[in-house]
Full PDB file with SEQRES, HELIX, SHEET, SSBOND, CRYST1, ORIGX, SCALE, CONECT and MASTER records, all heavy atoms in Angstrom:
SEQRES   1 A   33  GLU LYS PHE ARG ALA ARG LYS PRO ASP ILE ALA LEU LEU          
SEQRES   2 A   33  ASP VAL MET VAL PRO GLY LEU ASP GLY VAL SER LEU CYS          
SEQRES   3 A   33  ARG ARG ILE ARG ASP GLU SER                                  
HELIX    1 AA1 LYS A    2  ARG A    6  1                                   5    
HELIX    2 AA2 GLY A   22  GLU A   32  1                                  11    
CRYST1    1.000    1.000    1.000  90.00  90.00  90.00 P 1           1          
ORIGX1      1.000000  0.000000  0.000000        0.00000                         
ORIGX2      0.000000  1.000000  0.000000        0.00000                         
ORIGX3      0.000000  0.000000  1.000000        0.00000                         
SCALE1      1.000000  0.000000  0.000000        0.00000                         
SCALE2      0.000000  1.000000  0.000000        0.00000                         
SCALE3      0.000000  0.000000  1.000000        0.00000                         
ATOM      1  N   GLU A   1       8.153 -20.028  -5.140  1.00  0.00           N  
ATOM      2  CA  GLU A   1       9.015 -19.023  -5.745  1.00  0.00           C  
ATOM      3  C   GLU A   1       9.712 -19.626  -6.993  1.00  0.00           C  
ATOM      4  O   GLU A   1       9.753 -18.995  -8.082  1.00  0.00           O  
ATOM      5  CB  GLU A   1      10.086 -18.556  -4.784  1.00  0.00           C  
ATOM      6  CG  GLU A   1      11.089 -17.570  -5.326  1.00  0.00           C  
ATOM      7  CD  GLU A   1      12.139 -17.179  -4.301  1.00  0.00           C  
ATOM      8  OE1 GLU A   1      11.784 -17.060  -3.112  1.00  0.00           O  
ATOM      9  OE2 GLU A   1      13.320 -17.044  -4.711  1.00  0.00           O  
ATOM     10  N   LYS A   2      10.236 -20.819  -6.838  1.00  0.00           N  
ATOM     11  CA  LYS A   2      10.918 -21.475  -7.990  1.00  0.00           C  
ATOM     12  C   LYS A   2       9.959 -21.859  -9.045  1.00  0.00           C  
ATOM     13  O   LYS A   2      10.300 -21.802 -10.231  1.00  0.00           O  
ATOM     14  CB  LYS A   2      11.653 -22.724  -7.444  1.00  0.00           C  
ATOM     15  CG  LYS A   2      12.838 -22.452  -6.547  1.00  0.00           C  
ATOM     16  CD  LYS A   2      13.891 -21.661  -7.248  1.00  0.00           C  
ATOM     17  CE  LYS A   2      15.113 -21.488  -6.396  1.00  0.00           C  
ATOM     18  NZ  LYS A   2      16.178 -20.662  -7.056  1.00  0.00           N  
ATOM     19  N   PHE A   3       8.724 -22.261  -8.697  1.00  0.00           N  
ATOM     20  CA  PHE A   3       7.674 -22.582  -9.678  1.00  0.00           C  
ATOM     21  C   PHE A   3       7.442 -21.371 -10.578  1.00  0.00           C  
ATOM     22  O   PHE A   3       7.361 -21.539 -11.821  1.00  0.00           O  
ATOM     23  CB  PHE A   3       6.432 -23.033  -9.019  1.00  0.00           C  
ATOM     24  CG  PHE A   3       5.279 -23.223  -9.992  1.00  0.00           C  
ATOM     25  CD1 PHE A   3       5.208 -24.367 -10.733  1.00  0.00           C  
ATOM     26  CD2 PHE A   3       4.317 -22.256 -10.131  1.00  0.00           C  
ATOM     27  CE1 PHE A   3       4.138 -24.531 -11.678  1.00  0.00           C  
ATOM     28  CE2 PHE A   3       3.295 -22.410 -11.053  1.00  0.00           C  
ATOM     29  CZ  PHE A   3       3.191 -23.570 -11.815  1.00  0.00           C  
ATOM     30  N   ARG A   4       7.275 -20.217  -9.949  1.00  0.00           N  
ATOM     31  CA  ARG A   4       6.950 -19.020 -10.712  1.00  0.00           C  
ATOM     32  C   ARG A   4       8.130 -18.558 -11.556  1.00  0.00           C  
ATOM     33  O   ARG A   4       7.942 -18.025 -12.644  1.00  0.00           O  
ATOM     34  CB  ARG A   4       6.502 -17.941  -9.758  1.00  0.00           C  
ATOM     35  CG  ARG A   4       5.124 -18.141  -9.158  1.00  0.00           C  
ATOM     36  CD  ARG A   4       4.800 -17.229  -8.060  1.00  0.00           C  
ATOM     37  NE  ARG A   4       3.417 -17.316  -7.610  1.00  0.00           N  
ATOM     38  CZ  ARG A   4       2.904 -16.804  -6.517  1.00  0.00           C  
ATOM     39  NH1 ARG A   4       3.727 -16.007  -5.725  1.00  0.00           N  
ATOM     40  NH2 ARG A   4       1.678 -16.958  -6.169  1.00  0.00           N  
ATOM     41  N   ALA A   5       9.312 -18.769 -11.060  1.00  0.00           N  
ATOM     42  CA  ALA A   5      10.515 -18.319 -11.792  1.00  0.00           C  
ATOM     43  C   ALA A   5      10.978 -19.237 -12.874  1.00  0.00           C  
ATOM     44  O   ALA A   5      11.385 -18.768 -13.957  1.00  0.00           O  
ATOM     45  CB  ALA A   5      11.634 -18.126 -10.737  1.00  0.00           C  
ATOM     46  N   ARG A   6      10.829 -20.535 -12.647  1.00  0.00           N  
ATOM     47  CA  ARG A   6      11.427 -21.541 -13.583  1.00  0.00           C  
ATOM     48  C   ARG A   6      10.398 -22.149 -14.514  1.00  0.00           C  
ATOM     49  O   ARG A   6      10.764 -22.750 -15.534  1.00  0.00           O  
ATOM     50  CB  ARG A   6      12.132 -22.660 -12.792  1.00  0.00           C  
ATOM     51  CG  ARG A   6      13.307 -22.151 -11.940  1.00  0.00           C  
ATOM     52  CD  ARG A   6      14.451 -21.626 -12.771  1.00  0.00           C  
ATOM     53  NE  ARG A   6      14.886 -22.565 -13.750  1.00  0.00           N  
ATOM     54  CZ  ARG A   6      15.688 -23.565 -13.516  1.00  0.00           C  
ATOM     55  NH1 ARG A   6      16.183 -23.776 -12.276  1.00  0.00           N  
ATOM     56  NH2 ARG A   6      16.104 -24.382 -14.488  1.00  0.00           N  
ATOM     57  N   LYS A   7       9.062 -22.105 -14.159  1.00  0.00           N  
ATOM     58  CA  LYS A   7       7.991 -22.701 -15.036  1.00  0.00           C  
ATOM     59  C   LYS A   7       8.350 -24.171 -15.375  1.00  0.00           C  
ATOM     60  O   LYS A   7       8.576 -24.526 -16.487  1.00  0.00           O  
ATOM     61  CB  LYS A   7       7.880 -21.919 -16.341  1.00  0.00           C  
ATOM     62  CG  LYS A   7       7.615 -20.430 -16.153  1.00  0.00           C  
ATOM     63  CD  LYS A   7       6.316 -20.163 -15.380  1.00  0.00           C  
ATOM     64  CE  LYS A   7       6.046 -18.659 -15.287  1.00  0.00           C  
ATOM     65  NZ  LYS A   7       4.873 -18.342 -14.461  1.00  0.00           N  
ATOM     66  N   PRO A   8       8.371 -25.020 -14.367  1.00  0.00           N  
ATOM     67  CA  PRO A   8       8.719 -26.434 -14.607  1.00  0.00           C  
ATOM     68  C   PRO A   8       7.616 -27.198 -15.423  1.00  0.00           C  
ATOM     69  O   PRO A   8       6.479 -26.710 -15.593  1.00  0.00           O  
ATOM     70  CB  PRO A   8       8.816 -27.023 -13.157  1.00  0.00           C  
ATOM     71  CG  PRO A   8       7.844 -26.210 -12.374  1.00  0.00           C  
ATOM     72  CD  PRO A   8       8.022 -24.798 -12.952  1.00  0.00           C  
ATOM     73  N   ASP A   9       8.073 -28.342 -15.969  1.00  0.00           N  
ATOM     74  CA  ASP A   9       7.088 -29.150 -16.746  1.00  0.00           C  
ATOM     75  C   ASP A   9       6.246 -30.020 -15.834  1.00  0.00           C  
ATOM     76  O   ASP A   9       5.173 -30.448 -16.251  1.00  0.00           O  
ATOM     77  CB  ASP A   9       7.890 -30.037 -17.691  1.00  0.00           C  
ATOM     78  CG  ASP A   9       8.699 -29.208 -18.658  1.00  0.00           C  
ATOM     79  OD1 ASP A   9       8.062 -28.485 -19.465  1.00  0.00           O  
ATOM     80  OD2 ASP A   9       9.951 -29.284 -18.684  1.00  0.00           O  
ATOM     81  N   ILE A  10       6.687 -30.277 -14.626  1.00  0.00           N  
ATOM     82  CA  ILE A  10       5.967 -31.110 -13.688  1.00  0.00           C  
ATOM     83  C   ILE A  10       6.489 -30.807 -12.325  1.00  0.00           C  
ATOM     84  O   ILE A  10       7.620 -30.407 -12.118  1.00  0.00           O  
ATOM     85  CB  ILE A  10       6.124 -32.645 -14.013  1.00  0.00           C  
ATOM     86  CG1 ILE A  10       5.211 -33.485 -13.118  1.00  0.00           C  
ATOM     87  CG2 ILE A  10       7.614 -33.045 -13.904  1.00  0.00           C  
ATOM     88  CD1 ILE A  10       5.105 -34.929 -13.583  1.00  0.00           C  
ATOM     89  N   ALA A  11       5.584 -30.929 -11.273  1.00  0.00           N  
ATOM     90  CA  ALA A  11       5.964 -30.663  -9.864  1.00  0.00           C  
ATOM     91  C   ALA A  11       5.746 -31.916  -9.066  1.00  0.00           C  
ATOM     92  O   ALA A  11       4.711 -32.554  -9.127  1.00  0.00           O  
ATOM     93  CB  ALA A  11       5.129 -29.486  -9.342  1.00  0.00           C  
ATOM     94  N   LEU A  12       6.763 -32.245  -8.244  1.00  0.00           N  
ATOM     95  CA  LEU A  12       6.621 -33.345  -7.235  1.00  0.00           C  
ATOM     96  C   LEU A  12       6.607 -32.671  -5.888  1.00  0.00           C  
ATOM     97  O   LEU A  12       7.568 -31.968  -5.488  1.00  0.00           O  
ATOM     98  CB  LEU A  12       7.834 -34.262  -7.354  1.00  0.00           C  
ATOM     99  CG  LEU A  12       8.105 -34.943  -8.701  1.00  0.00           C  
ATOM    100  CD1 LEU A  12       9.338 -35.830  -8.524  1.00  0.00           C  
ATOM    101  CD2 LEU A  12       6.935 -35.733  -9.167  1.00  0.00           C  
ATOM    102  N   LEU A  13       5.528 -32.838  -5.170  1.00  0.00           N  
ATOM    103  CA  LEU A  13       5.376 -32.136  -3.874  1.00  0.00           C  
ATOM    104  C   LEU A  13       5.123 -33.091  -2.736  1.00  0.00           C  
ATOM    105  O   LEU A  13       4.186 -33.859  -2.747  1.00  0.00           O  
ATOM    106  CB  LEU A  13       4.168 -31.200  -3.978  1.00  0.00           C  
ATOM    107  CG  LEU A  13       4.062 -30.271  -5.185  1.00  0.00           C  
ATOM    108  CD1 LEU A  13       2.819 -29.424  -5.115  1.00  0.00           C  
ATOM    109  CD2 LEU A  13       5.277 -29.364  -5.299  1.00  0.00           C  
ATOM    110  N   ASP A  14       6.013 -33.054  -1.758  1.00  0.00           N  
ATOM    111  CA  ASP A  14       5.827 -33.830  -0.539  1.00  0.00           C  
ATOM    112  C   ASP A  14       4.703 -33.109   0.238  1.00  0.00           C  
ATOM    113  O   ASP A  14       4.617 -31.913   0.313  1.00  0.00           O  
ATOM    114  CB  ASP A  14       7.077 -33.905   0.283  1.00  0.00           C  
ATOM    115  CG  ASP A  14       6.920 -34.795   1.518  1.00  0.00           C  
ATOM    116  OD1 ASP A  14       6.321 -35.851   1.393  1.00  0.00           O  
ATOM    117  OD2 ASP A  14       7.321 -34.336   2.633  1.00  0.00           O  
ATOM    118  N   VAL A  15       3.799 -33.914   0.852  1.00  0.00           N  
ATOM    119  CA  VAL A  15       2.694 -33.352   1.585  1.00  0.00           C  
ATOM    120  C   VAL A  15       3.177 -32.520   2.766  1.00  0.00           C  
ATOM    121  O   VAL A  15       2.701 -31.409   2.989  1.00  0.00           O  
ATOM    122  CB  VAL A  15       1.731 -34.487   2.036  1.00  0.00           C  
ATOM    123  CG1 VAL A  15       0.701 -33.921   2.987  1.00  0.00           C  
ATOM    124  CG2 VAL A  15       1.061 -35.091   0.812  1.00  0.00           C  
ATOM    125  N   MET A  16       4.112 -33.105   3.530  1.00  0.00           N  
ATOM    126  CA  MET A  16       4.525 -32.440   4.784  1.00  0.00           C  
ATOM    127  C   MET A  16       5.829 -31.726   4.582  1.00  0.00           C  
ATOM    128  O   MET A  16       6.936 -32.304   4.817  1.00  0.00           O  
ATOM    129  CB  MET A  16       4.625 -33.507   5.867  1.00  0.00           C  
ATOM    130  CG  MET A  16       3.366 -34.245   6.175  1.00  0.00           C  
ATOM    131  SD  MET A  16       2.066 -33.178   6.778  1.00  0.00           S  
ATOM    132  CE  MET A  16       2.686 -32.620   8.348  1.00  0.00           C  
ATOM    133  N   VAL A  17       5.778 -30.482   4.169  1.00  0.00           N  
ATOM    134  CA  VAL A  17       6.963 -29.629   4.095  1.00  0.00           C  
ATOM    135  C   VAL A  17       6.727 -28.314   4.849  1.00  0.00           C  
ATOM    136  O   VAL A  17       5.588 -27.921   4.942  1.00  0.00           O  
ATOM    137  CB  VAL A  17       7.336 -29.382   2.615  1.00  0.00           C  
ATOM    138  CG1 VAL A  17       7.841 -30.585   1.926  1.00  0.00           C  
ATOM    139  CG2 VAL A  17       6.165 -28.784   1.835  1.00  0.00           C  
ATOM    140  N   PRO A  18       7.760 -27.726   5.338  1.00  0.00           N  
ATOM    141  CA  PRO A  18       7.617 -26.477   6.112  1.00  0.00           C  
ATOM    142  C   PRO A  18       7.319 -25.268   5.203  1.00  0.00           C  
ATOM    143  O   PRO A  18       7.450 -25.344   4.016  1.00  0.00           O  
ATOM    144  CB  PRO A  18       8.943 -26.313   6.864  1.00  0.00           C  
ATOM    145  CG  PRO A  18       9.962 -27.007   5.968  1.00  0.00           C  
ATOM    146  CD  PRO A  18       9.155 -28.201   5.359  1.00  0.00           C  
ATOM    147  N   GLY A  19       6.909 -24.186   5.876  1.00  0.00           N  
ATOM    148  CA  GLY A  19       6.619 -22.904   5.213  1.00  0.00           C  
ATOM    149  C   GLY A  19       5.291 -22.888   4.560  1.00  0.00           C  
ATOM    150  O   GLY A  19       4.408 -22.109   4.938  1.00  0.00           O  
ATOM    151  N   LEU A  20       5.060 -23.734   3.589  1.00  0.00           N  
ATOM    152  CA  LEU A  20       3.777 -23.906   2.851  1.00  0.00           C  
ATOM    153  C   LEU A  20       3.654 -25.376   2.586  1.00  0.00           C  
ATOM    154  O   LEU A  20       4.484 -25.907   1.799  1.00  0.00           O  
ATOM    155  CB  LEU A  20       3.758 -23.038   1.600  1.00  0.00           C  
ATOM    156  CG  LEU A  20       2.480 -22.990   0.817  1.00  0.00           C  
ATOM    157  CD1 LEU A  20       1.437 -22.228   1.593  1.00  0.00           C  
ATOM    158  CD2 LEU A  20       2.732 -22.260  -0.532  1.00  0.00           C  
ATOM    159  N   ASP A  21       2.700 -26.054   3.219  1.00  0.00           N  
ATOM    160  CA  ASP A  21       2.617 -27.492   3.060  1.00  0.00           C  
ATOM    161  C   ASP A  21       2.301 -27.872   1.602  1.00  0.00           C  
ATOM    162  O   ASP A  21       1.837 -27.010   0.819  1.00  0.00           O  
ATOM    163  CB  ASP A  21       1.591 -28.087   4.020  1.00  0.00           C  
ATOM    164  CG  ASP A  21       0.192 -27.625   3.662  1.00  0.00           C  
ATOM    165  OD1 ASP A  21      -0.449 -28.278   2.793  1.00  0.00           O  
ATOM    166  OD2 ASP A  21      -0.318 -26.711   4.354  1.00  0.00           O  
ATOM    167  N   GLY A  22       2.529 -29.106   1.233  1.00  0.00           N  
ATOM    168  CA  GLY A  22       2.363 -29.545  -0.106  1.00  0.00           C  
ATOM    169  C   GLY A  22       0.980 -29.366  -0.701  1.00  0.00           C  
ATOM    170  O   GLY A  22       0.803 -29.019  -1.876  1.00  0.00           O  
ATOM    171  N   VAL A  23      -0.027 -29.619   0.131  1.00  0.00           N  
ATOM    172  CA  VAL A  23      -1.418 -29.445  -0.350  1.00  0.00           C  
ATOM    173  C   VAL A  23      -1.715 -28.001  -0.676  1.00  0.00           C  
ATOM    174  O   VAL A  23      -2.269 -27.686  -1.721  1.00  0.00           O  
ATOM    175  CB  VAL A  23      -2.398 -29.983   0.712  1.00  0.00           C  
ATOM    176  CG1 VAL A  23      -3.850 -29.682   0.307  1.00  0.00           C  
ATOM    177  CG2 VAL A  23      -2.241 -31.524   0.908  1.00  0.00           C  
ATOM    178  N   SER A  24      -1.271 -27.142   0.263  1.00  0.00           N  
ATOM    179  CA  SER A  24      -1.534 -25.690  -0.028  1.00  0.00           C  
ATOM    180  C   SER A  24      -0.691 -25.199  -1.202  1.00  0.00           C  
ATOM    181  O   SER A  24      -1.227 -24.397  -2.031  1.00  0.00           O  
ATOM    182  CB  SER A  24      -1.130 -24.850   1.212  1.00  0.00           C  
ATOM    183  OG  SER A  24      -1.897 -25.229   2.341  1.00  0.00           O  
ATOM    184  N   LEU A  25       0.490 -25.688  -1.338  1.00  0.00           N  
ATOM    185  CA  LEU A  25       1.342 -25.349  -2.488  1.00  0.00           C  
ATOM    186  C   LEU A  25       0.666 -25.793  -3.827  1.00  0.00           C  
ATOM    187  O   LEU A  25       0.643 -25.088  -4.832  1.00  0.00           O  
ATOM    188  CB  LEU A  25       2.708 -25.938  -2.345  1.00  0.00           C  
ATOM    189  CG  LEU A  25       3.661 -25.753  -3.541  1.00  0.00           C  
ATOM    190  CD1 LEU A  25       3.793 -24.263  -3.940  1.00  0.00           C  
ATOM    191  CD2 LEU A  25       5.003 -26.380  -3.282  1.00  0.00           C  
ATOM    192  N   CYS A  26       0.085 -27.021  -3.794  1.00  0.00           N  
ATOM    193  CA  CYS A  26      -0.593 -27.557  -4.941  1.00  0.00           C  
ATOM    194  C   CYS A  26      -1.779 -26.611  -5.300  1.00  0.00           C  
ATOM    195  O   CYS A  26      -1.996 -26.370  -6.535  1.00  0.00           O  
ATOM    196  CB  CYS A  26      -1.104 -28.979  -4.655  1.00  0.00           C  
ATOM    197  SG  CYS A  26      -1.983 -29.716  -6.055  1.00  0.00           S  
ATOM    198  N   ARG A  27      -2.500 -26.140  -4.340  1.00  0.00           N  
ATOM    199  CA  ARG A  27      -3.647 -25.252  -4.647  1.00  0.00           C  
ATOM    200  C   ARG A  27      -3.146 -23.973  -5.315  1.00  0.00           C  
ATOM    201  O   ARG A  27      -3.722 -23.445  -6.248  1.00  0.00           O  
ATOM    202  CB  ARG A  27      -4.408 -24.891  -3.370  1.00  0.00           C  
ATOM    203  CG  ARG A  27      -5.233 -26.050  -2.787  1.00  0.00           C  
ATOM    204  CD  ARG A  27      -6.236 -25.527  -1.746  1.00  0.00           C  
ATOM    205  NE  ARG A  27      -6.942 -26.617  -1.085  1.00  0.00           N  
ATOM    206  CZ  ARG A  27      -6.613 -27.124   0.085  1.00  0.00           C  
ATOM    207  NH1 ARG A  27      -5.585 -26.574   0.752  1.00  0.00           N  
ATOM    208  NH2 ARG A  27      -7.310 -28.095   0.642  1.00  0.00           N  
ATOM    209  N   ARG A  28      -2.037 -23.446  -4.779  1.00  0.00           N  
ATOM    210  CA  ARG A  28      -1.443 -22.171  -5.303  1.00  0.00           C  
ATOM    211  C   ARG A  28      -1.021 -22.424  -6.770  1.00  0.00           C  
ATOM    212  O   ARG A  28      -1.245 -21.566  -7.611  1.00  0.00           O  
ATOM    213  CB  ARG A  28      -0.306 -21.728  -4.457  1.00  0.00           C  
ATOM    214  CG  ARG A  28      -0.673 -21.414  -2.974  1.00  0.00           C  
ATOM    215  CD  ARG A  28      -1.405 -20.093  -2.892  1.00  0.00           C  
ATOM    216  NE  ARG A  28      -0.489 -18.958  -3.033  1.00  0.00           N  
ATOM    217  CZ  ARG A  28       0.249 -18.421  -2.091  1.00  0.00           C  
ATOM    218  NH1 ARG A  28       0.139 -18.895  -0.839  1.00  0.00           N  
ATOM    219  NH2 ARG A  28       1.061 -17.427  -2.298  1.00  0.00           N  
ATOM    220  N   ILE A  29      -0.374 -23.572  -7.022  1.00  0.00           N  
ATOM    221  CA  ILE A  29       0.024 -23.858  -8.391  1.00  0.00           C  
ATOM    222  C   ILE A  29      -1.179 -23.980  -9.300  1.00  0.00           C  
ATOM    223  O   ILE A  29      -1.190 -23.494 -10.391  1.00  0.00           O  
ATOM    224  CB  ILE A  29       0.899 -25.162  -8.406  1.00  0.00           C  
ATOM    225  CG1 ILE A  29       2.281 -24.889  -7.756  1.00  0.00           C  
ATOM    226  CG2 ILE A  29       1.070 -25.653  -9.828  1.00  0.00           C  
ATOM    227  CD1 ILE A  29       3.128 -26.137  -7.631  1.00  0.00           C  
ATOM    228  N   ARG A  30      -2.203 -24.722  -8.810  1.00  0.00           N  
ATOM    229  CA  ARG A  30      -3.374 -24.924  -9.647  1.00  0.00           C  
ATOM    230  C   ARG A  30      -4.117 -23.672  -9.908  1.00  0.00           C  
ATOM    231  O   ARG A  30      -4.750 -23.556 -11.002  1.00  0.00           O  
ATOM    232  CB  ARG A  30      -4.274 -25.952  -8.966  1.00  0.00           C  
ATOM    233  CG  ARG A  30      -5.304 -26.624  -9.867  1.00  0.00           C  
ATOM    234  CD  ARG A  30      -4.751 -27.157 -11.194  1.00  0.00           C  
ATOM    235  NE  ARG A  30      -4.037 -28.453 -11.021  1.00  0.00           N  
ATOM    236  CZ  ARG A  30      -2.864 -28.656 -11.541  1.00  0.00           C  
ATOM    237  NH1 ARG A  30      -2.252 -27.772 -12.219  1.00  0.00           N  
ATOM    238  NH2 ARG A  30      -2.295 -29.849 -11.384  1.00  0.00           N  
ATOM    239  N   ASP A  31      -4.016 -22.631  -9.080  1.00  0.00           N  
ATOM    240  CA  ASP A  31      -4.610 -21.359  -9.300  1.00  0.00           C  
ATOM    241  C   ASP A  31      -3.955 -20.635 -10.493  1.00  0.00           C  
ATOM    242  O   ASP A  31      -4.590 -19.794 -11.158  1.00  0.00           O  
ATOM    243  CB  ASP A  31      -4.557 -20.469  -8.068  1.00  0.00           C  
ATOM    244  CG  ASP A  31      -5.527 -20.871  -6.943  1.00  0.00           C  
ATOM    245  OD1 ASP A  31      -6.467 -21.601  -7.283  1.00  0.00           O  
ATOM    246  OD2 ASP A  31      -5.298 -20.435  -5.828  1.00  0.00           O  
ATOM    247  N   GLU A  32      -2.726 -20.987 -10.763  1.00  0.00           N  
ATOM    248  CA  GLU A  32      -1.956 -20.286 -11.782  1.00  0.00           C  
ATOM    249  C   GLU A  32      -1.635 -21.087 -13.036  1.00  0.00           C  
ATOM    250  O   GLU A  32      -1.253 -20.530 -14.055  1.00  0.00           O  
ATOM    251  CB  GLU A  32      -0.583 -19.807 -11.145  1.00  0.00           C  
ATOM    252  CG  GLU A  32      -0.788 -18.952  -9.966  1.00  0.00           C  
ATOM    253  CD  GLU A  32       0.561 -18.596  -9.313  1.00  0.00           C  
ATOM    254  OE1 GLU A  32       1.615 -18.813  -9.967  1.00  0.00           O  
ATOM    255  OE2 GLU A  32       0.586 -18.113  -8.168  1.00  0.00           O  
ATOM    256  N   SER A  33      -1.774 -22.452 -12.930  1.00  0.00           N  
ATOM    257  CA  SER A  33      -1.266 -23.317 -13.996  1.00  0.00           C  
ATOM    258  C   SER A  33      -1.939 -24.640 -14.027  1.00  0.00           C  
ATOM    259  O   SER A  33      -2.482 -25.086 -13.011  1.00  0.00           O  
ATOM    260  CB  SER A  33       0.252 -23.456 -13.813  1.00  0.00           C  
ATOM    261  OG  SER A  33       0.731 -24.387 -14.723  1.00  0.00           O  
TER     262      SER A  33                                                      
MASTER        0    0    0    2    0    0    0    6  261    1    0    3          
END                                                                             
């Protein structure tokens, strides 16, 4: 949600996070940016 709203210059993602794990979040980001 924050990625889409804030358009950061870089993302740091921990692999093991709740809700949507870091690997899945990375895929979602890469689909868009």
